[in-house]
Amino acid sequence: MATSRLERIGTIFSRAEGLLLRGAIRPDDRPLWFDVYKAFPPTVEPKYARPKPENLTIKPILYKEDVIRAKFHAKGHGLNVNMLSLTGETQTKKLVQKYQQLQSEGVAEEELVQKSAEAVGNARQATTETYKVVTKIPDSVTAKVLAEADLKNIFKDKE
């Protein structure tokens, strides 16, 4: 299949500029990025024939929390996300915070993951039981249906 090799000649900007100058594109129909590119051109023009950059080694970007997260995820903790949470904190973030707290208290390294997972799990169970759906109109049909709904056992067969 024969294709055009025009991408090797000039840049997208230079071709769009040429179309504008010759009237092939009306000024109102120019691309959104055209004016921004013209006002803030790149330092090195992105040409096809530009030599490839050197193979630079990528520095590993790891934080202390990443190692802790990996420990939790390896044991299956921290994978649940509570969409009803108003704080926006994920279970993994809570696990990491509890892990660091227990670590500062001097708990043995082998027990840190298990103890912090248990503590966060217990706290999570206590908070999920207190969630209640609040509606704007308490006497509405929707409020009555939601009050009767058992969200924990919604997919179990009714007997």
Protein backbone atom coordinates (compact mmCIF):
# COMPACT_ATOMS: atom_id res chain seq x y z
CA MET A 1 0.00 0.00 0.00
CA ALA A 2 1.48 3.30 -1.06
CA THR A 3 1.38 6.08 1.49
CA SER A 4 2.48 9.68 1.57
CA ARG A 5 5.83 10.53 3.05
CA LEU A 6 4.93 14.17 3.74
CA GLU A 7 5.28 13.70 7.49
CA ARG A 8 9.03 13.70 6.90
CA ILE A 9 8.99 17.14 5.31
CA GLY A 10 8.47 20.05 7.69
CA THR A 11 6.36 19.96 10.82
CA ILE A 12 2.64 19.88 11.42
CA PHE A 13 2.84 23.55 12.36
CA SER A 14 4.62 24.54 9.14
CA ARG A 15 2.11 22.59 7.03
CA ALA A 16 -0.87 24.13 8.88
CA GLU A 17 0.70 27.57 8.49
CA GLY A 18 1.17 26.98 4.76
CA LEU A 19 -2.48 25.96 4.39
CA LEU A 20 -3.55 29.14 6.18
CA LEU A 21 -1.32 31.38 4.07
CA ARG A 22 -2.50 29.88 0.76
CA GLY A 23 -6.17 30.01 1.78
CA ALA A 24 -6.76 26.26 1.93
CA ILE A 25 -7.95 26.70 5.51
CA ARG A 26 -9.96 29.72 6.58
CA PRO A 27 -8.55 31.56 9.63
CA ASP A 28 -11.70 30.65 11.58
CA ASP A 29 -11.11 26.94 10.90
CA ARG A 30 -7.50 26.81 12.09
CA PRO A 31 -6.69 24.20 14.77
CA LEU A 32 -7.06 25.18 18.44
CA TRP A 33 -3.40 24.52 19.18
CA PHE A 34 -2.12 26.73 16.33
CA ASP A 35 -2.16 30.08 18.19
CA VAL A 36 -0.72 28.56 21.35
CA TYR A 37 2.09 26.90 19.40
CA LYS A 38 2.79 30.16 17.58
CA ALA A 39 2.93 32.13 20.84
CA PHE A 40 5.00 29.52 22.70
CA PRO A 41 7.13 27.58 20.19
CA PRO A 42 9.16 24.64 21.51
CA THR A 43 12.87 25.14 22.11
CA VAL A 44 13.74 22.29 19.73
CA GLU A 45 11.58 22.01 16.63
CA PRO A 46 9.93 18.56 16.45
CA LYS A 47 11.13 17.40 13.04
CA TYR A 48 11.04 13.85 11.75
CA ALA A 49 14.73 13.92 10.81
CA ARG A 50 15.85 15.02 14.27
CA PRO A 51 18.38 12.58 15.74
CA LYS A 52 17.13 10.26 18.45
CA PRO A 53 17.99 11.24 22.01
CA GLU A 54 20.63 9.32 23.91
CA ASN A 55 19.54 6.32 25.91
CA LEU A 56 19.39 7.82 29.35
CA THR A 57 18.79 5.61 32.32
CA ILE A 58 15.50 6.23 34.04
CA LYS A 59 15.86 6.93 37.72
CA PRO A 60 13.63 4.77 39.87
CA ILE A 61 11.11 6.94 41.66
CA LEU A 62 10.09 5.08 44.77
CA TYR A 63 8.88 6.50 48.02
CA LYS A 64 8.97 4.82 51.41
CA GLU A 65 5.18 4.45 51.22
CA ASP A 66 5.46 2.51 47.95
CA VAL A 67 7.33 -0.31 49.70
CA ILE A 68 4.68 -0.40 52.42
CA ARG A 69 1.88 -0.40 49.81
CA ALA A 70 3.55 -3.29 48.03
CA LYS A 71 3.58 -5.30 51.27
CA PHE A 72 -0.15 -4.71 51.78
CA HIS A 73 -1.12 -5.44 48.19
CA ALA A 74 0.98 -8.61 48.16
CA LYS A 75 -1.15 -9.92 51.04
CA GLY A 76 -4.42 -8.71 49.48
CA HIS A 77 -5.07 -5.74 51.75
CA GLY A 78 -5.99 -2.26 50.57
CA LEU A 79 -7.71 -3.30 47.37
CA ASN A 80 -11.20 -2.17 48.44
CA VAL A 81 -12.37 1.36 47.79
CA ASN A 82 -15.29 2.75 49.78
CA MET A 83 -17.25 4.99 47.44
CA LEU A 84 -19.46 6.22 50.30
CA SER A 85 -16.52 7.67 52.20
CA LEU A 86 -16.80 11.42 52.56
CA THR A 87 -13.17 11.87 53.59
CA GLY A 88 -11.75 10.65 50.30
CA GLU A 89 -9.10 8.54 52.02
CA THR A 90 -8.49 5.15 50.48
CA GLN A 91 -8.00 2.05 52.54
CA THR A 92 -4.40 1.86 51.34
CA LYS A 93 -3.69 5.35 52.67
CA LYS A 94 -5.18 4.41 56.04
CA LEU A 95 -3.12 1.21 56.08
CA VAL A 96 0.09 3.14 55.40
CA GLN A 97 -0.71 5.69 58.12
CA LYS A 98 -1.47 2.94 60.65
CA TYR A 99 1.68 1.07 59.60
CA GLN A 100 3.82 4.16 60.21
CA GLN A 101 2.11 4.80 63.54
CA LEU A 102 2.73 1.23 64.73
CA GLN A 103 6.28 1.38 63.44
CA SER A 104 6.96 4.52 65.48
CA GLU A 105 5.53 2.73 68.53
CA GLY A 106 8.14 0.00 68.12
CA VAL A 107 6.05 -2.94 66.91
CA ALA A 108 8.06 -5.81 65.42
CA GLU A 109 8.57 -5.65 61.64
CA GLU A 110 6.93 -9.05 61.04
CA GLU A 111 3.71 -8.02 62.80
CA LEU A 112 3.33 -4.53 61.31
CA VAL A 113 1.37 -5.50 58.21
CA GLN A 114 -0.98 -7.85 60.04
CA LYS A 115 -1.67 -5.54 62.98
CA SER A 116 -2.25 -2.46 60.85
CA ALA A 117 -4.55 -4.43 58.51
CA GLU A 118 -6.56 -5.67 61.50
CA ALA A 119 -6.79 -2.19 63.03
CA VAL A 120 -7.94 -0.56 59.79
CA GLY A 121 -10.33 -3.45 59.09
CA ASN A 122 -11.95 -3.10 62.51
CA ALA A 123 -12.27 0.67 62.08
CA ARG A 124 -13.73 0.18 58.61
CA GLN A 125 -16.36 -2.27 59.87
CA ALA A 126 -17.36 0.15 62.59
CA THR A 127 -17.78 3.02 60.13
CA THR A 128 -19.65 1.04 57.46
CA GLU A 129 -22.30 0.05 59.98
CA THR A 130 -22.94 3.72 60.76
CA TYR A 131 -23.55 4.72 57.12
CA LYS A 132 -27.15 5.52 56.48
CA VAL A 133 -28.71 6.89 53.34
CA VAL A 134 -30.07 10.37 53.97
CA THR A 135 -32.69 11.73 51.62
CA LYS A 136 -34.00 15.25 51.29
CA ILE A 137 -37.63 14.23 51.66
CA PRO A 138 -37.97 11.65 54.46
CA ASP A 139 -41.58 10.70 53.59
CA SER A 140 -40.93 10.05 49.88
CA VAL A 141 -41.27 6.64 48.24
CA THR A 142 -37.56 6.61 47.48
CA ALA A 143 -36.69 7.23 51.13
CA LYS A 144 -38.91 4.31 52.18
CA VAL A 145 -37.35 1.97 49.61
CA LEU A 146 -33.82 2.97 50.62
CA ALA A 147 -34.64 2.54 54.30
CA GLU A 148 -35.80 -1.02 53.64
CA ALA A 149 -32.90 -1.88 51.32
CA ASP A 150 -30.22 -4.15 52.68
CA LEU A 151 -27.16 -3.01 50.76
CA LYS A 152 -24.84 -5.62 52.23
CA ASN A 153 -27.01 -8.53 51.10
CA ILE A 154 -28.49 -7.03 47.96
CA PHE A 155 -27.47 -9.89 45.67
CA LYS A 156 -28.35 -12.79 47.95
CA ASP A 157 -31.40 -14.84 47.09
CA LYS A 158 -34.47 -14.00 49.11
CA GLU A 159 -36.09 -16.99 50.75
